[in-house]
Amino acid sequence: MVLDLLRRLELPQPARHVVSRLRALWLFRHAAVGRKTLAAGHVKVDARGALEIGEGTYFVSGLVPCRLVVHPGGRLHIGSRCTFNYGVTLEARREVVIGDGCMFGSWVHITDSIDGSTPKPVRLGAGSWVAHGAVINPGVTLGERAVVSAGSVVTQDVPARMMAIGNPARIASQALTRTEKT
């Protein structure tokens, strides 16, 4: 009832910031949470394992809640200053580690186990960007500042400063090349 009332009110920015911080403290009450972590939207949290969220991480509001699922014996570590758009799903049966400053578009899905298979750790390097609708499969490591394009399904490691494109994803350079006419 109170949340419905708050949604209908147009609060000034400082008040929205306070509400987002209070929501984060409540949602992540069973987790290790860094300072200035905000949840502007709804986040479904099922943390039966270890959940760690770094300082300044932000969960954006949107149509669909984010889902953070940590199974017993699992570990989900989210670094500092990460940004999650709506509809992101993170699931850890063993270990999912997200580096500092990572960004996630809407509807991203990251898991370390598919359909009860043996869990394989997933690691995302600092500054990685995962675009709308991308899927990161078990056992994948993204290097620092790697990019996963929208709709890609990543089944293999992506080196630092490289891009994963397609389904299944292929590795490409992020460098812009210019062809000269002769």
Protein backbone atom coordinates (compact mmCIF):
# COMPACT_ATOMS: atom_id res chain seq x y z
CA MET A 1 0.00 0.00 0.00
CA VAL A 2 2.79 2.41 0.91
CA LEU A 3 4.73 1.41 -2.23
CA ASP A 4 1.67 2.07 -4.40
CA LEU A 5 1.32 5.51 -2.84
CA LEU A 6 5.02 6.25 -3.43
CA ARG A 7 4.71 5.16 -7.06
CA ARG A 8 1.85 7.57 -7.63
CA LEU A 9 3.66 10.51 -6.06
CA GLU A 10 6.15 12.46 -8.09
CA LEU A 11 8.96 12.72 -5.57
CA PRO A 12 11.85 15.17 -5.92
CA GLN A 13 15.21 13.60 -6.84
CA PRO A 14 16.66 13.55 -3.28
CA ALA A 15 13.55 11.76 -1.99
CA ARG A 16 13.68 9.18 -4.84
CA HIS A 17 17.33 8.56 -3.95
CA VAL A 18 16.41 7.91 -0.31
CA VAL A 19 13.57 5.57 -1.30
CA SER A 20 15.94 3.67 -3.65
CA ARG A 21 18.50 3.30 -0.88
CA LEU A 22 15.92 2.10 1.64
CA ARG A 23 14.54 -0.38 -0.91
CA ALA A 24 18.07 -1.73 -1.50
CA LEU A 25 18.71 -2.12 2.23
CA TRP A 26 15.46 -4.05 2.61
CA LEU A 27 15.82 -6.24 -0.51
CA PHE A 28 19.45 -7.13 0.21
CA ARG A 29 19.08 -7.44 3.98
CA HIS A 30 20.53 -10.99 3.92
CA ALA A 31 23.51 -10.00 1.75
CA ALA A 32 26.79 -8.17 2.17
CA VAL A 33 25.97 -4.79 0.59
CA GLY A 34 28.30 -1.87 -0.07
CA ARG A 35 27.49 1.78 0.59
CA LYS A 36 25.40 3.73 -1.91
CA THR A 37 23.80 0.64 -3.47
CA LEU A 38 20.42 1.62 -4.92
CA ALA A 39 17.37 -0.31 -6.13
CA ALA A 40 15.10 2.06 -8.03
CA GLY A 41 12.97 -0.85 -9.23
CA HIS A 42 11.79 -4.18 -7.92
CA VAL A 43 14.40 -6.91 -7.46
CA LYS A 44 13.47 -10.49 -6.57
CA VAL A 45 16.14 -11.93 -4.29
CA ASP A 46 16.46 -15.61 -3.37
CA ALA A 47 19.78 -15.76 -1.53
CA ARG A 48 20.23 -19.15 0.10
CA GLY A 49 23.97 -18.92 -0.57
CA ALA A 50 26.47 -16.04 -0.40
CA LEU A 51 25.36 -12.77 -2.05
CA GLU A 52 27.82 -9.85 -2.13
CA ILE A 53 26.98 -6.52 -3.76
CA GLY A 54 29.63 -3.83 -4.11
CA GLU A 55 29.46 -0.14 -3.36
CA GLY A 56 27.46 2.12 -5.68
CA THR A 57 25.69 -0.65 -7.61
CA TYR A 58 22.40 0.45 -9.15
CA PHE A 59 19.30 -1.55 -10.13
CA VAL A 60 17.15 0.45 -12.58
CA SER A 61 13.36 0.45 -12.41
CA GLY A 62 11.39 -1.01 -15.29
CA LEU A 63 8.62 -3.28 -16.46
CA VAL A 64 10.07 -6.53 -15.14
CA PRO A 65 12.00 -7.10 -11.91
CA CYS A 66 15.60 -8.26 -11.80
CA ARG A 67 16.13 -11.73 -10.31
CA LEU A 68 19.11 -12.65 -8.15
CA VAL A 69 19.13 -16.36 -7.26
CA VAL A 70 21.88 -17.92 -5.15
CA HIS A 71 21.40 -21.62 -4.41
CA PRO A 72 22.74 -23.25 -1.21
CA GLY A 73 26.53 -23.44 -1.43
CA GLY A 74 26.57 -20.92 -4.29
CA ARG A 75 28.20 -17.50 -4.44
CA LEU A 76 27.14 -14.42 -6.39
CA HIS A 77 29.60 -11.53 -6.19
CA ILE A 78 28.69 -8.21 -7.84
CA GLY A 79 31.46 -5.62 -7.94
CA SER A 80 31.24 -1.90 -7.24
CA ARG A 81 29.54 0.64 -9.52
CA CYS A 82 27.64 -1.92 -11.64
CA THR A 83 24.37 -0.98 -13.37
CA PHE A 84 21.53 -3.42 -13.99
CA ASN A 85 18.60 -2.66 -16.27
CA TYR A 86 15.22 -4.30 -15.69
CA GLY A 87 14.64 -8.02 -16.29
CA VAL A 88 18.23 -9.14 -15.64
CA THR A 89 18.53 -12.66 -14.19
CA LEU A 90 21.65 -13.79 -12.32
CA GLU A 91 21.69 -17.37 -11.01
CA ALA A 92 24.54 -19.02 -9.09
CA ARG A 93 24.66 -22.66 -8.04
CA ARG A 94 28.44 -22.56 -7.66
CA GLU A 95 29.91 -19.14 -8.50
CA VAL A 96 29.16 -16.07 -10.59
CA VAL A 97 31.63 -13.18 -10.20
CA ILE A 98 30.97 -9.78 -11.79
CA GLY A 99 33.80 -7.24 -11.80
CA ASP A 100 33.61 -3.53 -10.98
CA GLY A 101 31.86 -1.11 -13.33
CA CYS A 102 29.96 -3.66 -15.43
CA MET A 103 26.77 -2.65 -17.25
CA PHE A 104 23.80 -4.83 -18.16
CA GLY A 105 20.99 -4.14 -20.62
CA SER A 106 17.47 -5.44 -20.05
CA TRP A 107 16.63 -9.15 -20.24
CA VAL A 108 20.23 -10.36 -19.77
CA HIS A 109 20.51 -13.91 -18.40
CA ILE A 110 23.66 -15.20 -16.66
CA THR A 111 23.86 -18.62 -15.05
CA ASP A 112 26.55 -21.10 -14.03
CA SER A 113 24.33 -24.18 -14.58
CA ILE A 114 21.71 -25.10 -17.17
CA ASP A 115 18.97 -27.63 -16.36
CA GLY A 116 20.80 -29.10 -13.37
CA SER A 117 24.09 -29.70 -15.21
CA THR A 118 27.37 -29.55 -13.29
CA PRO A 119 27.90 -25.88 -12.37
CA LYS A 120 30.84 -24.11 -14.00
CA PRO A 121 31.95 -20.69 -12.68
CA VAL A 122 31.14 -17.57 -14.69
CA ARG A 123 33.41 -14.51 -14.47
CA LEU A 124 32.95 -11.06 -15.96
CA GLY A 125 35.94 -8.72 -15.99
CA ALA A 126 35.81 -5.11 -14.84
CA GLY A 127 34.11 -2.69 -17.20
CA SER A 128 32.33 -5.35 -19.25
CA TRP A 129 29.11 -4.46 -21.02
CA VAL A 130 26.36 -7.02 -21.73
CA ALA A 131 23.64 -5.68 -24.04
CA HIS A 132 19.88 -6.35 -24.21
CA GLY A 133 18.78 -9.98 -24.30
CA ALA A 134 22.25 -11.51 -24.18
CA VAL A 135 22.83 -14.89 -22.53
CA ILE A 136 26.07 -15.87 -20.77
CA ASN A 137 26.33 -19.65 -20.43
CA PRO A 138 28.13 -21.68 -17.71
CA GLY A 139 31.93 -21.70 -17.67
CA VAL A 140 32.33 -18.44 -19.63
CA THR A 141 34.88 -15.78 -18.70
CA LEU A 142 34.66 -12.25 -20.12
CA GLY A 143 37.91 -10.28 -20.02
CA GLU A 144 38.12 -6.67 -18.86
CA ARG A 145 36.06 -4.22 -20.92
CA ALA A 146 34.63 -7.00 -23.10
CA VAL A 147 31.34 -6.30 -24.89
CA VAL A 148 28.51 -8.74 -25.60
CA SER A 149 26.17 -7.47 -28.31
CA ALA A 150 22.38 -7.58 -28.05
CA GLY A 151 20.81 -11.01 -28.39
CA SER A 152 24.13 -12.88 -28.33
CA VAL A 153 24.49 -16.30 -26.70
CA VAL A 154 28.02 -16.62 -25.30
CA THR A 155 29.31 -20.19 -25.04
CA GLN A 156 33.07 -19.52 -25.01
CA ASP A 157 35.47 -17.13 -23.28
CA VAL A 158 35.73 -13.56 -24.60
CA PRO A 159 39.22 -11.98 -24.31
CA ALA A 160 39.72 -8.52 -22.82
CA ARG A 161 38.62 -5.60 -25.03
CA MET A 162 36.96 -7.90 -27.54
CA MET A 163 33.33 -8.24 -28.62
CA ALA A 164 31.02 -11.28 -28.75
CA ILE A 165 28.41 -11.17 -31.52
CA GLY A 166 25.69 -13.60 -32.57
CA ASN A 167 24.12 -16.92 -31.63
CA PRO A 168 26.35 -18.74 -30.91
CA ALA A 169 28.62 -15.77 -30.29
CA ARG A 170 31.73 -15.22 -32.37
CA ILE A 171 34.62 -13.08 -31.21
CA ALA A 172 35.34 -9.80 -33.01
CA SER A 173 37.58 -6.81 -32.40
CA GLN A 174 36.14 -3.63 -30.92
CA ALA A 175 38.54 -1.57 -33.04
CA LEU A 176 37.01 0.51 -35.79
CA THR A 177 38.77 -0.12 -39.06
CA ARG A 178 38.83 2.11 -42.08
CA THR A 179 39.30 0.90 -45.58
CA GLU A 180 40.96 3.34 -47.91
CA LYS A 181 40.14 3.55 -51.59
CA THR A 182 43.12 3.40 -53.90
